C-alpha atoms as a PDB file:
ATOM      1  CA  MET A   1     -11.556  -0.079  28.618  1.00  0.00           C
ATOM      2  CA  THR A   2     -11.768   1.376  25.194  1.00  0.00           C
ATOM      3  CA  LEU A   3      -9.420   3.955  23.785  1.00  0.00           C
ATOM      4  CA  ALA A   4     -12.154   6.588  23.955  1.00  0.00           C
ATOM      5  CA  THR A   5     -12.699   5.902  27.668  1.00  0.00           C
ATOM      6  CA  ILE A   6      -8.996   6.164  28.403  1.00  0.00           C
ATOM      7  CA  ALA A   7      -8.750   9.442  26.473  1.00  0.00           C
ATOM      8  CA  ALA A   8     -11.770  10.859  28.324  1.00  0.00           C
ATOM      9  CA  LEU A   9     -10.349   9.914  31.708  1.00  0.00           C
ATOM     10  CA  ALA A  10      -6.946  11.329  30.831  1.00  0.00           C
ATOM     11  CA  GLY A  11      -8.549  14.604  29.768  1.00  0.00           C
ATOM     12  CA  ALA A  12     -10.594  14.843  32.955  1.00  0.00           C
ATOM     13  CA  ALA A  13      -7.533  14.834  35.220  1.00  0.00           C
ATOM     14  CA  GLU A  14      -6.914  18.038  37.125  1.00  0.00           C
ATOM     15  CA  HIS A  15      -3.949  20.137  36.143  1.00  0.00           C
ATOM     16  CA  HIS A  16      -2.262  22.160  38.817  1.00  0.00           C
ATOM     17  CA  GLY A  17       0.085  25.036  38.228  1.00  0.00           C
ATOM     18  CA  ASN A  18       0.469  27.661  35.589  1.00  0.00           C
ATOM     19  CA  PRO A  19       1.213  26.199  32.123  1.00  0.00           C
ATOM     20  CA  GLN A  20       2.545  29.558  30.932  1.00  0.00           C
ATOM     21  CA  ALA A  21       5.094  29.691  33.744  1.00  0.00           C
ATOM     22  CA  GLU A  22       6.000  26.021  33.271  1.00  0.00           C
ATOM     23  CA  THR A  23       6.733  26.453  29.568  1.00  0.00           C
ATOM     24  CA  PHE A  24       8.400  29.879  29.772  1.00  0.00           C
ATOM     25  CA  ILE A  25      11.836  28.257  29.769  1.00  0.00           C
ATOM     26  CA  PHE A  26      11.303  26.956  26.213  1.00  0.00           C
ATOM     27  CA  GLY A  27      10.897  30.520  24.967  1.00  0.00           C
ATOM     28  CA  VAL A  28      14.012  31.580  26.873  1.00  0.00           C
ATOM     29  CA  ILE A  29      16.012  28.714  25.367  1.00  0.00           C
ATOM     30  CA  ALA A  30      14.803  29.578  21.852  1.00  0.00           C
ATOM     31  CA  PHE A  31      15.680  33.249  22.389  1.00  0.00           C
ATOM     32  CA  VAL A  32      19.202  32.368  23.565  1.00  0.00           C
ATOM     33  CA  VAL A  33      19.746  30.026  20.602  1.00  0.00           C
ATOM     34  CA  PHE A  34      18.612  32.655  18.091  1.00  0.00           C
ATOM     35  CA  LEU A  35      20.736  35.275  19.816  1.00  0.00           C
ATOM     36  CA  ALA A  36      23.793  33.020  19.572  1.00  0.00           C
ATOM     37  CA  LEU A  37      23.109  32.336  15.892  1.00  0.00           C
ATOM     38  CA  GLY A  38      22.719  36.058  15.290  1.00  0.00           C
ATOM     39  CA  LEU A  39      26.076  36.731  16.912  1.00  0.00           C
ATOM     40  CA  VAL A  40      27.705  34.116  14.687  1.00  0.00           C
ATOM     41  CA  THR A  41      26.145  35.774  11.640  1.00  0.00           C
ATOM     42  CA  VAL A  42      27.304  39.252  12.674  1.00  0.00           C
ATOM     43  CA  SER A  43      30.817  37.950  13.324  1.00  0.00           C
ATOM     44  CA  TYR A  44      31.201  37.226   9.585  1.00  0.00           C
ATOM     45  CA  ARG A  45      30.342  40.806   8.655  1.00  0.00           C
ATOM     46  CA  ASN A  46      32.965  42.561   6.522  1.00  0.00           C
ATOM     47  CA  VAL A  47      35.288  39.538   6.435  1.00  0.00           C
ATOM     48  CA  ALA A  48      36.216  40.112   2.782  1.00  0.00           C
ATOM     49  CA  ASN A  49      37.482  43.612   3.521  1.00  0.00           C
ATOM     50  CA  ARG A  50      39.638  42.400   6.404  1.00  0.00           C
ATOM     51  CA  HIS A  51      41.756  40.448   3.959  1.00  0.00           C
ATOM     52  CA  ALA A  52      41.729  42.778   0.964  1.00  0.00           C
ATOM     53  CA  HIS A  53      45.531  42.716   0.710  1.00  0.00           C
ATOM     54  CA  LYS A  54      45.460  38.934   0.309  1.00  0.00           C
ATOM     55  CA  ALA A  55      42.778  39.152  -2.373  1.00  0.00           C
ATOM     56  CA  ASP A  56      44.791  41.745  -4.289  1.00  0.00           C
ATOM     57  CA  ALA A  57      47.942  39.628  -4.077  1.00  0.00           C
ATOM     58  CA  TYR A  58      46.057  36.556  -5.311  1.00  0.00           C
ATOM     59  CA  ALA A  59      44.484  38.518  -8.177  1.00  0.00           C
ATOM     60  CA  LYS A  60      47.934  39.712  -9.314  1.00  0.00           C
ATOM     61  CA  THR A  61      49.396  36.191  -9.386  1.00  0.00           C
ATOM     62  CA  HIS A  62      46.328  34.482 -10.900  1.00  0.00           C
ATOM     63  CA  PRO A  63      44.994  36.394 -13.905  1.00  0.00           C
ATOM     64  CA  VAL A  64      41.343  35.762 -14.799  1.00  0.00           C
ATOM     65  CA  ASP A  65      40.561  34.198 -18.143  1.00  0.00           C
ATOM     66  CA  LEU A  66      37.448  36.171 -19.147  1.00  0.00           C
ATOM     67  CA  SER A  67      36.461  33.645 -21.822  1.00  0.00           C
ATOM     68  CA  GLN A  68      35.705  31.121 -19.073  1.00  0.00           C
ATOM     69  CA  ALA A  69      34.216  33.523 -16.546  1.00  0.00           C
ATOM     70  CA  GLY A  70      30.616  33.046 -15.466  1.00  0.00           C
ATOM     71  CA  HIS A  71      28.281  30.104 -15.755  1.00  0.00           C
ATOM     72  CA  GLY A  72      28.387  27.646 -18.601  1.00  0.00           C
ATOM     73  CA  HIS A  73      31.944  28.265 -19.812  1.00  0.00           C
ATOM     74  CA  HIS A  74      30.928  29.014 -23.419  1.00  0.00           C
END
């Protein structure tokens, strides 16, 4: 048999069932994964403000040298 004959016979086979119903679970899995990733993203919302007292304490003990601030350090 040639490859073309095998491909034609494989394509002629009857398919039973509903492909939409059989593959619905993949959409559900993708939705759950994206929902979980969205919850992780939302959980980091406003994190900087939760620890503002720590940032203020660090800023007081570590003064910023403005001559080296930014990119390039001119």
